[in-house]
C-alpha atoms as a PDB file:
ATOM      1  CA  MET A   1       0.050   0.118   0.155  1.00  0.00           C
ATOM      2  CA  SER A   2       1.170   3.259  -0.884  1.00  0.00           C
ATOM      3  CA  SER A   3       1.296   6.355   2.127  1.00  0.00           C
ATOM      4  CA  GLN A   4       1.270   8.948  -0.580  1.00  0.00           C
ATOM      5  CA  THR A   5      -1.112  11.446  -0.145  1.00  0.00           C
ATOM      6  CA  THR A   6      -3.845  12.245  -3.344  1.00  0.00           C
ATOM      7  CA  MET A   7      -2.526  15.824  -4.526  1.00  0.00           C
ATOM      8  CA  TYR A   8      -5.739  17.572  -6.100  1.00  0.00           C
ATOM      9  CA  ALA A   9      -5.482  19.923  -8.905  1.00  0.00           C
ATOM     10  CA  VAL A  10      -7.349  23.134  -9.136  1.00  0.00           C
ATOM     11  CA  GLU A  11      -9.892  22.836 -11.945  1.00  0.00           C
ATOM     12  CA  SER A  12      -9.926  26.529 -12.757  1.00  0.00           C
ATOM     13  CA  GLY A  13      -8.419  29.448 -10.831  1.00  0.00           C
ATOM     14  CA  ALA A  14     -11.138  31.675 -12.483  1.00  0.00           C
ATOM     15  CA  ARG A  15     -13.535  29.181 -10.625  1.00  0.00           C
ATOM     16  CA  LEU A  16     -12.059  29.552  -7.305  1.00  0.00           C
ATOM     17  CA  LYS A  17     -11.903  33.184  -7.633  1.00  0.00           C
ATOM     18  CA  LEU A  18     -15.827  33.122  -8.470  1.00  0.00           C
ATOM     19  CA  LEU A  19     -16.557  30.972  -5.749  1.00  0.00           C
ATOM     20  CA  MET A  20     -14.965  33.046  -3.424  1.00  0.00           C
ATOM     21  CA  GLU A  21     -16.750  35.764  -4.694  1.00  0.00           C
ATOM     22  CA  ARG A  22     -20.370  34.103  -3.526  1.00  0.00           C
ATOM     23  CA  THR A  23     -19.704  31.201  -1.376  1.00  0.00           C
ATOM     24  CA  GLY A  24     -22.335  28.781  -0.273  1.00  0.00           C
ATOM     25  CA  THR A  25     -23.949  30.636   2.297  1.00  0.00           C
ATOM     26  CA  GLY A  26     -24.154  33.655  -0.480  1.00  0.00           C
ATOM     27  CA  ASN A  27     -21.435  35.836   1.067  1.00  0.00           C
ATOM     28  CA  SER A  28     -18.344  36.460  -0.336  1.00  0.00           C
ATOM     29  CA  ILE A  29     -14.331  35.642   1.723  1.00  0.00           C
ATOM     30  CA  SER A  30     -11.150  36.923   0.702  1.00  0.00           C
ATOM     31  CA  SER A  31      -7.920  34.955  -0.332  1.00  0.00           C
ATOM     32  CA  ARG A  32      -6.838  35.562   3.349  1.00  0.00           C
ATOM     33  CA  ALA A  33      -9.751  34.071   5.284  1.00  0.00           C
ATOM     34  CA  LEU A  34      -9.554  31.172   2.748  1.00  0.00           C
ATOM     35  CA  ALA A  35      -6.299  30.449   3.261  1.00  0.00           C
ATOM     36  CA  ARG A  36      -6.675  31.230   7.283  1.00  0.00           C
ATOM     37  CA  VAL A  37     -10.002  28.508   7.686  1.00  0.00           C
ATOM     38  CA  ALA A  38      -8.043  26.139   5.221  1.00  0.00           C
ATOM     39  CA  GLY A  39      -4.419  26.299   7.010  1.00  0.00           C
ATOM     40  CA  VAL A  40      -2.456  27.087   4.116  1.00  0.00           C
ATOM     41  CA  ALA A  41      -0.483  29.784   3.110  1.00  0.00           C
ATOM     42  CA  HIS A  42      -1.732  33.070   2.373  1.00  0.00           C
ATOM     43  CA  GLY A  43       0.267  32.680  -0.904  1.00  0.00           C
ATOM     44  CA  THR A  44      -1.528  29.333  -1.727  1.00  0.00           C
ATOM     45  CA  ILE A  45      -4.612  30.561  -2.525  1.00  0.00           C
ATOM     46  CA  GLY A  46      -3.565  33.339  -4.383  1.00  0.00           C
ATOM     47  CA  ALA A  47      -1.074  30.945  -6.445  1.00  0.00           C
ATOM     48  CA  LEU A  48      -3.797  28.519  -7.266  1.00  0.00           C
ATOM     49  CA  MET A  49      -5.893  31.145  -8.398  1.00  0.00           C
ATOM     50  CA  THR A  50      -3.133  32.422 -10.852  1.00  0.00           C
ATOM     51  CA  GLY A  51      -1.952  29.051 -11.811  1.00  0.00           C
ATOM     52  CA  ALA A  52       1.177  29.328 -10.338  1.00  0.00           C
ATOM     53  CA  GLN A  53       0.683  26.272  -8.357  1.00  0.00           C
ATOM     54  CA  LYS A  54      -1.380  23.737  -9.537  1.00  0.00           C
ATOM     55  CA  ALA A  55      -2.442  21.465  -6.460  1.00  0.00           C
ATOM     56  CA  VAL A  56      -3.033  20.912  -3.083  1.00  0.00           C
ATOM     57  CA  PRO A  57      -2.675  17.604  -0.806  1.00  0.00           C
ATOM     58  CA  GLU A  58      -6.412  16.206  -0.139  1.00  0.00           C
ATOM     59  CA  ASP A  59      -7.154  17.498   3.021  1.00  0.00           C
ATOM     60  CA  LYS A  60      -6.301  20.855   2.372  1.00  0.00           C
ATOM     61  CA  ALA A  61      -8.508  20.664  -0.971  1.00  0.00           C
ATOM     62  CA  LYS A  62     -11.345  19.035   1.066  1.00  0.00           C
ATOM     63  CA  THR A  63     -11.243  21.999   3.408  1.00  0.00           C
ATOM     64  CA  ILE A  64     -11.006  25.151   0.424  1.00  0.00           C
ATOM     65  CA  ALA A  65     -14.152  23.016  -0.633  1.00  0.00           C
ATOM     66  CA  ALA A  66     -16.055  23.395   2.506  1.00  0.00           C
ATOM     67  CA  ALA A  67     -15.221  26.855   3.477  1.00  0.00           C
ATOM     68  CA  LEU A  68     -16.289  27.546  -0.178  1.00  0.00           C
ATOM     69  CA  GLY A  69     -19.443  25.421   0.645  1.00  0.00           C
ATOM     70  CA  VAL A  70     -19.308  23.521  -2.494  1.00  0.00           C
ATOM     71  CA  ASP A  71     -18.123  19.662  -2.953  1.00  0.00           C
ATOM     72  CA  LEU A  72     -14.958  18.917  -3.348  1.00  0.00           C
ATOM     73  CA  LEU A  73     -14.936  17.634  -7.468  1.00  0.00           C
ATOM     74  CA  VAL A  74     -16.596  21.404  -7.769  1.00  0.00           C
ATOM     75  CA  LEU A  75     -13.340  22.682  -7.872  1.00  0.00           C
ATOM     76  CA  PHE A  76     -10.546  19.825  -7.380  1.00  0.00           C
ATOM     77  CA  VAL A  77      -9.912  16.972  -9.587  1.00  0.00           C
ATOM     78  CA  PRO A  78      -7.681  14.080  -8.176  1.00  0.00           C
ATOM     79  CA  MET A  79      -4.526  13.923  -9.863  1.00  0.00           C
ATOM     80  CA  GLU A  80      -4.456  10.263 -10.441  1.00  0.00           C
ATOM     81  CA  ARG A  81      -8.192  10.995 -11.852  1.00  0.00           C
ATOM     82  CA  ALA A  82      -6.816  13.315 -14.362  1.00  0.00           C
ATOM     83  CA  GLY A  83      -4.247  11.274 -15.606  1.00  0.00           C
ATOM     84  CA  ARG A  84      -1.642  12.656 -13.744  1.00  0.00           C
ATOM     85  CA  VAL A  85       0.389  10.716 -10.653  1.00  0.00           C
ATOM     86  CA  LEU A  86       2.887  12.329  -9.217  1.00  0.00           C
ATOM     87  CA  ILE A  87       6.173  10.384  -8.977  1.00  0.00           C
ATOM     88  CA  PRO A  88       8.708  11.109  -5.806  1.00  0.00           C
ATOM     89  CA  ALA A  89      12.048  12.540  -6.929  1.00  0.00           C
ATOM     90  CA  GLN A  90      14.248  10.173  -7.155  1.00  0.00           C
ATOM     91  CA  ALA A  91      17.462   9.779  -4.903  1.00  0.00           C
ATOM     92  CA  THR A  92      20.818  11.002  -6.750  1.00  0.00           C
ATOM     93  CA  ALA A  93      23.761   8.536  -6.319  1.00  0.00           C
END
């Protein structure tokens, strides 16, 4: 069994921004507030919106989606499902 954490890619930075403008409660949330709720660095949310960062671990993806009031798969795609598998860096000799 693999102990690797499943990574989730943001389907669209524009979708993330849109969902932040109107969350499931009807309110907006700032990137700083979303980062605080999700337990990630503020820069992570910005990087997900711009595409500079493509993915986060499953627990963070779930927390971000929950804070926005949407199902996980509305915003994120499991990396393996998208045909992309993260391969750990190989040690060099």
